Amino acid sequence: MNKLFIKRVIFSAAGLALLATGGLVLSGGGSAYAQDTDNEVGQPKTAEQRKAKLDANKLRVCEKREASINKIMQRIATRGEKQIGVFNKISERTQAFYVKKERTLSNYDALVADVNAKKVAAETALAEIKATIVDFKCDGTDPHGKSQLFKDNLKKEIAALKDYKTAVKNLIRGVKSANSSSTKEESQ
């Protein structure tokens, strides 16, 4: 207990000695002014110097995240490809079923044309997504603008995939209604 008390007195005595002699606290070594000055001259940093340092920090952070951003973009493009593949398979199977069962539907050709048009739109949106992935670099002139372009293209892709899915659903409903109406006719 006495040793602990003696150490506290020694440390506090050393602290008092620094205060009394005008050590670090009074010299401004720990002040906020010292952090915002140029070390050579002692003058405040200019706005341009602060902006350059901030830009350098942003670039460093961006470069650290560049690989993960590119991976995310690649996964989004891959997901779009997979969705288009699933919708294609469903559409082809539905069309094959319609032909195999020899059903008749008055607007079948319009439904198939709509599916094909939505498929082309979705593939175009996917191609735009892939083109944006290649362009993203942090050291480029406008990485934020390119990321915003990617986000805009992503929204277009999502809308195009949604439209394609709706067109495929409409085709399925049409074929299903043709199937049920011809089954009713056969049963009568």
N, C-alpha and C. Protein backbone atom coordinates (compact mmCIF):
# COMPACT_ATOMS: atom_id res chain seq x y z
N MET A 1 0.81 -1.17 0.00
CA MET A 1 0.00 0.00 0.00
C MET A 1 0.86 1.24 0.00
N ASN A 2 1.94 1.25 0.76
CA ASN A 2 2.82 2.42 0.81
C ASN A 2 3.53 2.64 -0.50
N LYS A 3 3.90 1.56 -1.19
CA LYS A 3 4.58 1.70 -2.48
C LYS A 3 3.66 2.35 -3.50
N LEU A 4 2.40 1.96 -3.52
CA LEU A 4 1.44 2.53 -4.44
C LEU A 4 1.23 4.01 -4.15
N PHE A 5 1.14 4.34 -2.89
CA PHE A 5 0.97 5.74 -2.51
C PHE A 5 2.19 6.57 -2.91
N ILE A 6 3.39 6.03 -2.73
CA ILE A 6 4.62 6.75 -3.08
C ILE A 6 4.69 6.96 -4.59
N LYS A 7 4.29 5.95 -5.40
CA LYS A 7 4.31 6.10 -6.85
C LYS A 7 3.35 7.19 -7.30
N ARG A 8 2.17 7.25 -6.70
CA ARG A 8 1.21 8.30 -7.05
C ARG A 8 1.75 9.68 -6.73
N VAL A 9 2.42 9.79 -5.61
CA VAL A 9 2.98 11.08 -5.22
C VAL A 9 4.09 11.48 -6.17
N ILE A 10 4.93 10.52 -6.56
CA ILE A 10 6.04 10.82 -7.47
C ILE A 10 5.49 11.26 -8.83
N PHE A 11 4.51 10.49 -9.36
CA PHE A 11 3.94 10.84 -10.66
C PHE A 11 3.20 12.16 -10.62
N SER A 12 2.48 12.41 -9.55
CA SER A 12 1.78 13.67 -9.47
C SER A 12 2.76 14.82 -9.25
N ALA A 13 3.84 14.55 -8.54
CA ALA A 13 4.86 15.58 -8.35
C ALA A 13 5.53 15.90 -9.67
N ALA A 14 5.74 14.88 -10.51
CA ALA A 14 6.34 15.12 -11.81
C ALA A 14 5.38 15.92 -12.68
N GLY A 15 4.11 15.63 -12.58
CA GLY A 15 3.11 16.38 -13.34
C GLY A 15 3.07 17.83 -12.90
N LEU A 16 3.15 18.06 -11.59
CA LEU A 16 3.16 19.43 -11.07
C LEU A 16 4.41 20.17 -11.51
N ALA A 17 5.54 19.46 -11.55
CA ALA A 17 6.78 20.09 -11.98
C ALA A 17 6.66 20.53 -13.44
N LEU A 18 6.04 19.72 -14.29
CA LEU A 18 5.85 20.10 -15.69
C LEU A 18 4.95 21.32 -15.81
N LEU A 19 3.90 21.35 -15.01
CA LEU A 19 3.02 22.51 -15.03
C LEU A 19 3.75 23.76 -14.58
N ALA A 20 4.53 23.62 -13.52
CA ALA A 20 5.23 24.77 -12.97
C ALA A 20 6.29 25.29 -13.94
N THR A 21 6.95 24.43 -14.67
CA THR A 21 8.00 24.88 -15.57
C THR A 21 7.47 25.26 -16.94
N GLY A 22 6.15 25.07 -17.16
CA GLY A 22 5.57 25.44 -18.47
C GLY A 22 5.89 24.41 -19.53
N GLY A 23 5.83 23.15 -19.15
CA GLY A 23 6.15 22.05 -20.06
C GLY A 23 5.26 22.01 -21.28
N LEU A 24 4.86 20.83 -21.66
CA LEU A 24 4.12 20.60 -22.90
C LEU A 24 2.77 21.28 -22.92
N VAL A 25 2.11 21.37 -21.80
CA VAL A 25 0.74 21.89 -21.79
C VAL A 25 0.74 23.36 -22.15
N LEU A 26 1.66 24.14 -21.60
CA LEU A 26 1.66 25.57 -21.85
C LEU A 26 2.35 25.94 -23.16
N SER A 27 3.15 25.07 -23.72
CA SER A 27 3.85 25.40 -24.95
C SER A 27 2.97 25.21 -26.18
N GLY A 28 1.80 24.64 -26.04
CA GLY A 28 0.90 24.45 -27.18
C GLY A 28 1.18 23.18 -27.95
N GLY A 29 1.99 22.29 -27.41
CA GLY A 29 2.32 21.05 -28.11
C GLY A 29 1.12 20.14 -28.31
N GLY A 30 0.13 20.24 -27.47
CA GLY A 30 -1.03 19.37 -27.59
C GLY A 30 -2.27 20.10 -28.04
N SER A 31 -2.15 21.33 -28.48
CA SER A 31 -3.34 22.10 -28.82
C SER A 31 -3.87 21.74 -30.20
N ALA A 32 -5.09 22.13 -30.45
CA ALA A 32 -5.73 21.87 -31.74
C ALA A 32 -5.06 22.70 -32.83
N TYR A 33 -4.54 23.85 -32.48
CA TYR A 33 -3.86 24.70 -33.45
C TYR A 33 -2.65 24.00 -34.05
N ALA A 34 -1.94 23.25 -33.22
CA ALA A 34 -0.75 22.56 -33.70
C ALA A 34 -1.12 21.46 -34.68
N GLN A 35 -2.28 20.88 -34.57
CA GLN A 35 -2.69 19.83 -35.48
C GLN A 35 -3.08 20.37 -36.84
N ASP A 36 -3.51 21.63 -36.89
CA ASP A 36 -3.98 22.20 -38.15
C ASP A 36 -2.96 23.19 -38.72
N THR A 37 -1.69 22.98 -38.43
CA THR A 37 -0.68 23.89 -38.95
C THR A 37 0.31 23.12 -39.79
N ASP A 38 0.98 23.86 -40.61
CA ASP A 38 2.06 23.29 -41.39
C ASP A 38 3.28 23.26 -40.47
N ASN A 39 3.90 22.13 -40.29
CA ASN A 39 4.96 21.96 -39.30
C ASN A 39 6.17 22.83 -39.58
N GLU A 40 6.45 23.16 -40.81
CA GLU A 40 7.65 23.92 -41.13
C GLU A 40 7.49 25.39 -40.77
N VAL A 41 6.37 25.98 -41.12
CA VAL A 41 6.20 27.41 -40.95
C VAL A 41 5.41 27.74 -39.70
N GLY A 42 4.49 26.88 -39.31
CA GLY A 42 3.66 27.16 -38.16
C GLY A 42 2.41 27.90 -38.54
N GLN A 43 2.14 28.06 -39.81
CA GLN A 43 0.95 28.75 -40.28
C GLN A 43 -0.18 27.74 -40.51
N PRO A 44 -1.41 28.19 -40.43
CA PRO A 44 -2.52 27.27 -40.70
C PRO A 44 -2.46 26.76 -42.15
N LYS A 45 -2.93 25.52 -42.33
CA LYS A 45 -2.95 24.95 -43.67
C LYS A 45 -4.00 25.67 -44.50
N THR A 46 -3.74 25.78 -45.78
CA THR A 46 -4.70 26.41 -46.68
C THR A 46 -5.81 25.42 -47.00
N ALA A 47 -6.87 25.93 -47.53
CA ALA A 47 -8.01 25.08 -47.90
C ALA A 47 -7.59 24.08 -48.98
N GLU A 48 -6.71 24.51 -49.87
CA GLU A 48 -6.24 23.61 -50.94
C GLU A 48 -5.45 22.45 -50.36
N GLN A 49 -4.61 22.71 -49.34
CA GLN A 49 -3.83 21.66 -48.73
C GLN A 49 -4.73 20.66 -48.00
N ARG A 50 -5.74 21.19 -47.28
CA ARG A 50 -6.67 20.31 -46.59
C ARG A 50 -7.47 19.47 -47.58
N LYS A 51 -7.88 20.10 -48.70
CA LYS A 51 -8.65 19.38 -49.72
C LYS A 51 -7.80 18.29 -50.37
N ALA A 52 -6.53 18.59 -50.65
CA ALA A 52 -5.64 17.59 -51.25
C ALA A 52 -5.46 16.40 -50.30
N LYS A 53 -5.31 16.67 -49.00
CA LYS A 53 -5.16 15.60 -48.03
C LYS A 53 -6.44 14.78 -47.95
N LEU A 54 -7.60 15.45 -47.97
CA LEU A 54 -8.88 14.76 -47.93
C LEU A 54 -9.07 13.91 -49.18
N ASP A 55 -8.70 14.45 -50.35
CA ASP A 55 -8.80 13.69 -51.59
C ASP A 55 -7.89 12.46 -51.56
N ALA A 56 -6.70 12.63 -51.00
CA ALA A 56 -5.77 11.51 -50.90
C ALA A 56 -6.35 10.43 -49.98
N ASN A 57 -6.98 10.84 -48.89
CA ASN A 57 -7.59 9.87 -47.98
C ASN A 57 -8.76 9.15 -48.66
N LYS A 58 -9.57 9.90 -49.39
CA LYS A 58 -10.70 9.29 -50.10
C LYS A 58 -10.20 8.29 -51.14
N LEU A 59 -9.12 8.64 -51.83
CA LEU A 59 -8.55 7.75 -52.83
C LEU A 59 -8.04 6.46 -52.18
N ARG A 60 -7.39 6.59 -51.06
CA ARG A 60 -6.87 5.43 -50.35
C ARG A 60 -8.02 4.50 -49.90
N VAL A 61 -9.08 5.09 -49.37
CA VAL A 61 -10.23 4.30 -48.94
C VAL A 61 -10.88 3.62 -50.14
N CYS A 62 -11.00 4.37 -51.22
CA CYS A 62 -11.61 3.82 -52.44
C CYS A 62 -10.78 2.66 -52.97
N GLU A 63 -9.47 2.80 -52.98
CA GLU A 63 -8.60 1.73 -53.48
C GLU A 63 -8.71 0.48 -52.62
N LYS A 64 -8.90 0.67 -51.30
CA LYS A 64 -9.07 -0.49 -50.43
C LYS A 64 -10.37 -1.22 -50.75
N ARG A 65 -11.39 -0.47 -51.13
CA ARG A 65 -12.70 -1.06 -51.39
C ARG A 65 -12.90 -1.41 -52.86
N GLU A 66 -11.99 -1.03 -53.73
CA GLU A 66 -12.16 -1.24 -55.18
C GLU A 66 -12.37 -2.71 -55.53
N ALA A 67 -11.60 -3.58 -54.94
CA ALA A 67 -11.73 -5.02 -55.25
C ALA A 67 -13.10 -5.54 -54.81
N SER A 68 -13.54 -5.15 -53.61
CA SER A 68 -14.85 -5.62 -53.15
C SER A 68 -15.98 -5.02 -53.97
N ILE A 69 -15.82 -3.78 -54.41
CA ILE A 69 -16.83 -3.15 -55.26
C ILE A 69 -16.92 -3.89 -56.59
N ASN A 70 -15.79 -4.22 -57.16
CA ASN A 70 -15.80 -4.95 -58.43
C ASN A 70 -16.40 -6.35 -58.26
N LYS A 71 -16.14 -7.00 -57.12
CA LYS A 71 -16.74 -8.32 -56.87
C LYS A 71 -18.26 -8.22 -56.76
N ILE A 72 -18.72 -7.19 -56.07
CA ILE A 72 -20.17 -6.98 -55.93
C ILE A 72 -20.79 -6.76 -57.30
N MET A 73 -20.15 -5.93 -58.11
CA MET A 73 -20.67 -5.65 -59.45
C MET A 73 -20.69 -6.93 -60.29
N GLN A 74 -19.67 -7.73 -60.15
CA GLN A 74 -19.60 -8.98 -60.91
C GLN A 74 -20.70 -9.93 -60.47
N ARG A 75 -20.95 -10.02 -59.16
CA ARG A 75 -22.03 -10.88 -58.66
C ARG A 75 -23.39 -10.42 -59.17
N ILE A 76 -23.59 -9.11 -59.24
CA ILE A 76 -24.85 -8.58 -59.74
C ILE A 76 -25.04 -8.97 -61.20
N ALA A 77 -23.99 -8.86 -61.99
CA ALA A 77 -24.07 -9.24 -63.40
C ALA A 77 -24.33 -10.74 -63.55
N THR A 78 -23.67 -11.55 -62.74
CA THR A 78 -23.86 -13.00 -62.78
C THR A 78 -25.29 -13.36 -62.38
N ARG A 79 -25.80 -12.69 -61.37
CA ARG A 79 -27.18 -12.93 -60.94
C ARG A 79 -28.15 -12.60 -62.07
N GLY A 80 -27.92 -11.50 -62.78
CA GLY A 80 -28.78 -11.13 -63.91
C GLY A 80 -28.74 -12.18 -65.01
N GLU A 81 -27.54 -12.71 -65.29
CA GLU A 81 -27.41 -13.76 -66.30
C GLU A 81 -28.21 -15.01 -65.89
N LYS A 82 -28.10 -15.37 -64.62
CA LYS A 82 -28.81 -16.56 -64.14
C LYS A 82 -30.32 -16.37 -64.23
N GLN A 83 -30.79 -15.19 -63.88
CA GLN A 83 -32.23 -14.93 -63.95
C GLN A 83 -32.73 -14.98 -65.39
N ILE A 84 -31.97 -14.41 -66.30
CA ILE A 84 -32.36 -14.47 -67.71
C ILE A 84 -32.38 -15.92 -68.18
N GLY A 85 -31.40 -16.70 -67.75
CA GLY A 85 -31.37 -18.12 -68.11
C GLY A 85 -32.58 -18.88 -67.60
N VAL A 86 -32.99 -18.61 -66.37
CA VAL A 86 -34.16 -19.27 -65.79
C VAL A 86 -35.42 -18.88 -66.57
N PHE A 87 -35.57 -17.59 -66.84
CA PHE A 87 -36.75 -17.14 -67.57
C PHE A 87 -36.78 -17.71 -68.99
N ASN A 88 -35.60 -17.81 -69.62
CA ASN A 88 -35.54 -18.42 -70.96
C ASN A 88 -36.01 -19.86 -70.92
N LYS A 89 -35.52 -20.60 -69.94
CA LYS A 89 -35.87 -22.01 -69.84
C LYS A 89 -37.37 -22.18 -69.63
N ILE A 90 -37.94 -21.38 -68.76
CA ILE A 90 -39.38 -21.46 -68.49
C ILE A 90 -40.17 -21.11 -69.75
N SER A 91 -39.74 -20.07 -70.45
CA SER A 91 -40.42 -19.65 -71.67
C SER A 91 -40.36 -20.74 -72.74
N GLU A 92 -39.18 -21.31 -72.93
CA GLU A 92 -39.02 -22.35 -73.94
C GLU A 92 -39.85 -23.59 -73.60
N ARG A 93 -39.88 -23.96 -72.35
CA ARG A 93 -40.66 -25.13 -71.94
C ARG A 93 -42.16 -24.87 -72.12
N THR A 94 -42.58 -23.64 -71.82
CA THR A 94 -43.99 -23.31 -72.00
C THR A 94 -44.37 -23.36 -73.47
N GLN A 95 -43.52 -22.81 -74.32
CA GLN A 95 -43.79 -22.84 -75.76
C GLN A 95 -43.79 -24.28 -76.28
N ALA A 96 -42.88 -25.10 -75.81
CA ALA A 96 -42.84 -26.50 -76.23
C ALA A 96 -44.09 -27.24 -75.77
N PHE A 97 -44.54 -26.95 -74.57
CA PHE A 97 -45.77 -27.57 -74.06
C PHE A 97 -46.96 -27.18 -74.93
N TYR A 98 -47.03 -25.89 -75.29
CA TYR A 98 -48.13 -25.40 -76.12
C TYR A 98 -48.16 -26.13 -77.46
N VAL A 99 -46.99 -26.29 -78.07
CA VAL A 99 -46.91 -26.97 -79.37
C VAL A 99 -47.21 -28.46 -79.21
N LYS A 100 -46.67 -29.09 -78.17
CA LYS A 100 -46.84 -30.52 -77.97
C LYS A 100 -48.31 -30.89 -77.73
N LYS A 101 -49.00 -30.09 -76.96
CA LYS A 101 -50.39 -30.37 -76.62
C LYS A 101 -51.37 -29.87 -77.69
N GLU A 102 -50.84 -29.18 -78.70
CA GLU A 102 -51.64 -28.68 -79.83
C GLU A 102 -52.84 -27.86 -79.38
N ARG A 103 -52.58 -26.93 -78.49
CA ARG A 103 -53.63 -26.04 -78.01
C ARG A 103 -53.73 -24.84 -78.93
N THR A 104 -54.85 -24.16 -78.87
CA THR A 104 -55.01 -22.94 -79.66
C THR A 104 -55.34 -21.80 -78.73
N LEU A 105 -54.69 -20.68 -79.00
CA LEU A 105 -54.90 -19.47 -78.22
C LEU A 105 -54.85 -18.31 -79.19
N SER A 106 -55.82 -17.44 -79.15
CA SER A 106 -55.93 -16.37 -80.15
C SER A 106 -54.75 -15.39 -80.08
N ASN A 107 -54.27 -15.06 -78.90
CA ASN A 107 -53.18 -14.08 -78.78
C ASN A 107 -51.84 -14.73 -78.44
N TYR A 108 -51.66 -15.99 -78.76
CA TYR A 108 -50.42 -16.71 -78.45
C TYR A 108 -49.21 -16.04 -79.12
N ASP A 109 -49.35 -15.68 -80.39
CA ASP A 109 -48.23 -15.05 -81.11
C ASP A 109 -47.85 -13.71 -80.48
N ALA A 110 -48.83 -12.95 -80.02
CA ALA A 110 -48.55 -11.67 -79.37
C ALA A 110 -47.83 -11.89 -78.03
N LEU A 111 -48.24 -12.91 -77.31
CA LEU A 111 -47.58 -13.22 -76.03
C LEU A 111 -46.13 -13.64 -76.25
N VAL A 112 -45.89 -14.47 -77.27
CA VAL A 112 -44.52 -14.91 -77.56
C VAL A 112 -43.67 -13.72 -78.02
N ALA A 113 -44.25 -12.86 -78.85
CA ALA A 113 -43.51 -11.67 -79.31
C ALA A 113 -43.16 -10.76 -78.13
N ASP A 114 -44.08 -10.62 -77.19
CA ASP A 114 -43.83 -9.80 -76.00
C ASP A 114 -42.70 -10.41 -75.17
N VAL A 115 -42.72 -11.72 -75.01
CA VAL A 115 -41.66 -12.41 -74.26
C VAL A 115 -40.31 -12.18 -74.94
N ASN A 116 -40.27 -12.31 -76.26
CA ASN A 116 -39.01 -12.12 -76.98
C ASN A 116 -38.51 -10.69 -76.89
N ALA A 117 -39.44 -9.72 -76.96
CA ALA A 117 -39.04 -8.31 -76.85
C ALA A 117 -38.49 -8.00 -75.46
N LYS A 118 -39.13 -8.52 -74.43
CA LYS A 118 -38.66 -8.29 -73.05
C LYS A 118 -37.33 -9.00 -72.81
N LYS A 119 -37.13 -10.14 -73.47
CA LYS A 119 -35.86 -10.85 -73.35
C LYS A 119 -34.73 -10.01 -73.92
N VAL A 120 -34.95 -9.41 -75.08
CA VAL A 120 -33.93 -8.56 -75.71
C VAL A 120 -33.63 -7.35 -74.82
N ALA A 121 -34.67 -6.75 -74.24
CA ALA A 121 -34.46 -5.60 -73.35
C ALA A 121 -33.66 -5.99 -72.12
N ALA A 122 -33.95 -7.15 -71.56
CA ALA A 122 -33.21 -7.61 -70.37
C ALA A 122 -31.75 -7.90 -70.71
N GLU A 123 -31.51 -8.51 -71.87
CA GLU A 123 -30.13 -8.80 -72.28
C GLU A 123 -29.36 -7.51 -72.56
N THR A 124 -30.03 -6.50 -73.11
CA THR A 124 -29.39 -5.21 -73.34
C THR A 124 -29.01 -4.55 -72.02
N ALA A 125 -29.93 -4.59 -71.05
CA ALA A 125 -29.64 -4.02 -69.73
C ALA A 125 -28.48 -4.76 -69.07
N LEU A 126 -28.42 -6.07 -69.24
CA LEU A 126 -27.32 -6.86 -68.69
C LEU A 126 -26.00 -6.48 -69.34
N ALA A 127 -26.02 -6.25 -70.64
CA ALA A 127 -24.80 -5.84 -71.34
C ALA A 127 -24.31 -4.48 -70.84
N GLU A 128 -25.22 -3.57 -70.53
CA GLU A 128 -24.83 -2.27 -69.98
C GLU A 128 -24.19 -2.43 -68.60
N ILE A 129 -24.73 -3.33 -67.80
CA ILE A 129 -24.16 -3.61 -66.47
C ILE A 129 -22.72 -4.12 -66.63
N LYS A 130 -22.53 -5.05 -67.54
CA LYS A 130 -21.19 -5.62 -67.75
C LYS A 130 -20.22 -4.57 -68.25
N ALA A 131 -20.67 -3.66 -69.09
CA ALA A 131 -19.80 -2.60 -69.60
C ALA A 131 -19.38 -1.65 -68.48
N THR A 132 -20.25 -1.42 -67.53
CA THR A 132 -19.94 -0.53 -66.42
C THR A 132 -18.92 -1.15 -65.48
N ILE A 133 -18.97 -2.46 -65.33
CA ILE A 133 -18.03 -3.15 -64.44
C ILE A 133 -16.59 -2.94 -64.90
N VAL A 134 -16.36 -3.03 -66.19
CA VAL A 134 -15.02 -2.93 -66.74
C VAL A 134 -14.43 -1.54 -66.49
N ASP A 135 -15.28 -0.52 -66.47
CA ASP A 135 -14.80 0.86 -66.37
C ASP A 135 -14.47 1.33 -64.96
N PHE A 136 -14.91 0.65 -63.91
CA PHE A 136 -14.75 1.17 -62.56
C PHE A 136 -13.32 1.06 -62.07
N LYS A 137 -12.69 2.21 -61.84
CA LYS A 137 -11.37 2.30 -61.23
C LYS A 137 -11.37 3.52 -60.32
N CYS A 138 -10.74 3.41 -59.17
CA CYS A 138 -10.69 4.52 -58.23
C CYS A 138 -9.80 5.66 -58.71
N ASP A 139 -8.73 5.32 -59.43
CA ASP A 139 -7.81 6.36 -59.87
C ASP A 139 -8.29 7.07 -61.12
N GLY A 140 -9.47 6.73 -61.60
CA GLY A 140 -10.04 7.37 -62.78
C GLY A 140 -10.46 8.79 -62.47
N THR A 141 -11.00 9.44 -63.47
CA THR A 141 -11.36 10.84 -63.30
C THR A 141 -12.61 11.01 -62.44
N ASP A 142 -13.55 10.07 -62.48
CA ASP A 142 -14.79 10.24 -61.74
C ASP A 142 -15.33 8.89 -61.26
N PRO A 143 -14.74 8.31 -60.22
CA PRO A 143 -15.23 7.00 -59.75
C PRO A 143 -16.64 7.08 -59.19
N HIS A 144 -17.00 8.19 -58.56
CA HIS A 144 -18.34 8.32 -58.01
C HIS A 144 -19.37 8.37 -59.14
N GLY A 145 -19.05 9.07 -60.20
CA GLY A 145 -19.95 9.13 -61.34
C GLY A 145 -20.14 7.77 -61.99
N LYS A 146 -19.05 7.00 -62.07
CA LYS A 146 -19.15 5.66 -62.65
C LYS A 146 -19.94 4.73 -61.76
N SER A 147 -19.80 4.87 -60.45
CA SER A 147 -20.60 4.04 -59.55
C SER A 147 -22.06 4.43 -59.64
N GLN A 148 -22.33 5.71 -59.82
CA GLN A 148 -23.72 6.16 -59.99
C GLN A 148 -24.29 5.63 -61.30
N LEU A 149 -23.47 5.61 -62.35
CA LEU A 149 -23.89 5.05 -63.63
C LEU A 149 -24.23 3.57 -63.47
N PHE A 150 -23.41 2.86 -62.71
CA PHE A 150 -23.67 1.44 -62.44
C PHE A 150 -25.00 1.27 -61.72
N LYS A 151 -25.27 2.11 -60.71
CA LYS A 151 -26.52 2.02 -59.97
C LYS A 151 -27.71 2.29 -60.89
N ASP A 152 -27.57 3.27 -61.77
CA ASP A 152 -28.65 3.56 -62.72
C ASP A 152 -28.88 2.37 -63.66
N ASN A 153 -27.79 1.79 -64.15
CA ASN A 153 -27.91 0.62 -65.02
C ASN A 153 -28.52 -0.57 -64.27
N LEU A 154 -28.20 -0.69 -62.99
CA LEU A 154 -28.76 -1.76 -62.17
C LEU A 154 -30.27 -1.59 -62.06
N LYS A 155 -30.72 -0.37 -61.86
CA LYS A 155 -32.16 -0.12 -61.79
C LYS A 155 -32.84 -0.48 -63.11
N LYS A 156 -32.18 -0.15 -64.22
CA LYS A 156 -32.73 -0.51 -65.53
C LYS A 156 -32.80 -2.02 -65.69
N GLU A 157 -31.74 -2.72 -65.24
CA GLU A 157 -31.72 -4.18 -65.34
C GLU A 157 -32.82 -4.80 -64.50
N ILE A 158 -33.00 -4.31 -63.30
CA ILE A 158 -34.04 -4.84 -62.42
C ILE A 158 -35.42 -4.65 -63.05
N ALA A 159 -35.65 -3.46 -63.62
CA ALA A 159 -36.94 -3.20 -64.27
C ALA A 159 -37.12 -4.10 -65.49
N ALA A 160 -36.06 -4.27 -66.29
CA ALA A 160 -36.15 -5.12 -67.48
C ALA A 160 -36.40 -6.58 -67.10
N LEU A 161 -35.75 -7.07 -66.06
CA LEU A 161 -35.97 -8.44 -65.61
C LEU A 161 -37.39 -8.63 -65.07
N LYS A 162 -37.88 -7.61 -64.39
CA LYS A 162 -39.24 -7.67 -63.87
C LYS A 162 -40.24 -7.73 -65.03
N ASP A 163 -40.02 -6.91 -66.06
CA ASP A 163 -40.90 -6.93 -67.24
C ASP A 163 -40.82 -8.28 -67.95
N TYR A 164 -39.62 -8.83 -68.07
CA TYR A 164 -39.44 -10.13 -68.72
C TYR A 164 -40.17 -11.22 -67.95
N LYS A 165 -40.05 -11.19 -66.64
CA LYS A 165 -40.73 -12.16 -65.79
C LYS A 165 -42.25 -12.04 -65.95
N THR A 166 -42.75 -10.82 -66.00
CA THR A 166 -44.18 -10.61 -66.18
C THR A 166 -44.65 -11.14 -67.53
N ALA A 167 -43.85 -10.91 -68.57
CA ALA A 167 -44.21 -11.41 -69.90
C ALA A 167 -44.24 -12.94 -69.92
N VAL A 168 -43.30 -13.57 -69.24
CA VAL A 168 -43.29 -15.04 -69.17
C VAL A 168 -44.51 -15.53 -68.39
N LYS A 169 -44.84 -14.84 -67.29
CA LYS A 169 -46.03 -15.22 -66.53
C LYS A 169 -47.29 -15.10 -67.39
N ASN A 170 -47.38 -14.03 -68.17
CA ASN A 170 -48.55 -13.85 -69.05
C ASN A 170 -48.63 -14.98 -70.07
N LEU A 171 -47.48 -15.39 -70.60
CA LEU A 171 -47.46 -16.51 -71.54
C LEU A 171 -47.95 -17.79 -70.86
N ILE A 172 -47.49 -18.04 -69.66
CA ILE A 172 -47.91 -19.24 -68.92
C ILE A 172 -49.42 -19.19 -68.67
N ARG A 173 -49.92 -18.04 -68.24
CA ARG A 173 -51.35 -17.91 -67.99
C ARG A 173 -52.16 -18.16 -69.27
N GLY A 174 -51.64 -17.59 -70.37
CA GLY A 174 -52.34 -17.79 -71.65
C GLY A 174 -52.39 -19.24 -72.05
N VAL A 175 -51.26 -19.92 -71.96
CA VAL A 175 -51.20 -21.34 -72.32
C VAL A 175 -52.06 -22.16 -71.37
N LYS A 176 -52.04 -21.80 -70.10
CA LYS A 176 -52.85 -22.52 -69.12
C LYS A 176 -54.34 -22.33 -69.39
N SER A 177 -54.73 -21.13 -69.77
CA SER A 177 -56.15 -20.89 -70.07
C SER A 177 -56.57 -21.64 -71.34
N ALA A 178 -55.66 -21.72 -72.31
CA ALA A 178 -55.96 -22.48 -73.52
C ALA A 178 -56.11 -23.95 -73.19
N ASN A 179 -55.29 -24.43 -72.31
CA ASN A 179 -55.35 -25.83 -71.89
C ASN A 179 -56.66 -26.12 -71.18
N SER A 180 -57.06 -25.26 -70.27
CA SER A 180 -58.28 -25.52 -69.51
C SER A 180 -59.52 -25.36 -70.38
N SER A 181 -59.53 -24.42 -71.33
CA SER A 181 -60.70 -24.25 -72.17
C SER A 181 -60.86 -25.42 -73.13
N SER A 182 -59.78 -25.96 -73.67
CA SER A 182 -59.89 -27.11 -74.56
C SER A 182 -60.23 -28.38 -73.80
N THR A 183 -59.82 -28.47 -72.55
CA THR A 183 -60.19 -29.62 -71.72
C THR A 183 -61.68 -29.60 -71.44
N LYS A 184 -62.24 -28.42 -71.21
CA LYS A 184 -63.67 -28.30 -70.97
C LYS A 184 -64.46 -28.69 -72.21
N GLU A 185 -63.96 -28.27 -73.38
CA GLU A 185 -64.63 -28.60 -74.63
C GLU A 185 -64.61 -30.11 -74.88
N GLU A 186 -63.50 -30.75 -74.56
CA GLU A 186 -63.38 -32.20 -74.75
C GLU A 186 -64.31 -32.96 -73.81
N SER A 187 -64.51 -32.47 -72.60
CA SER A 187 -65.34 -33.16 -71.64
C SER A 187 -66.82 -33.04 -71.96
N GLN A 188 -67.23 -32.04 -72.73
CA GLN A 188 -68.64 -31.86 -73.09
C GLN A 188 -68.97 -32.66 -74.25
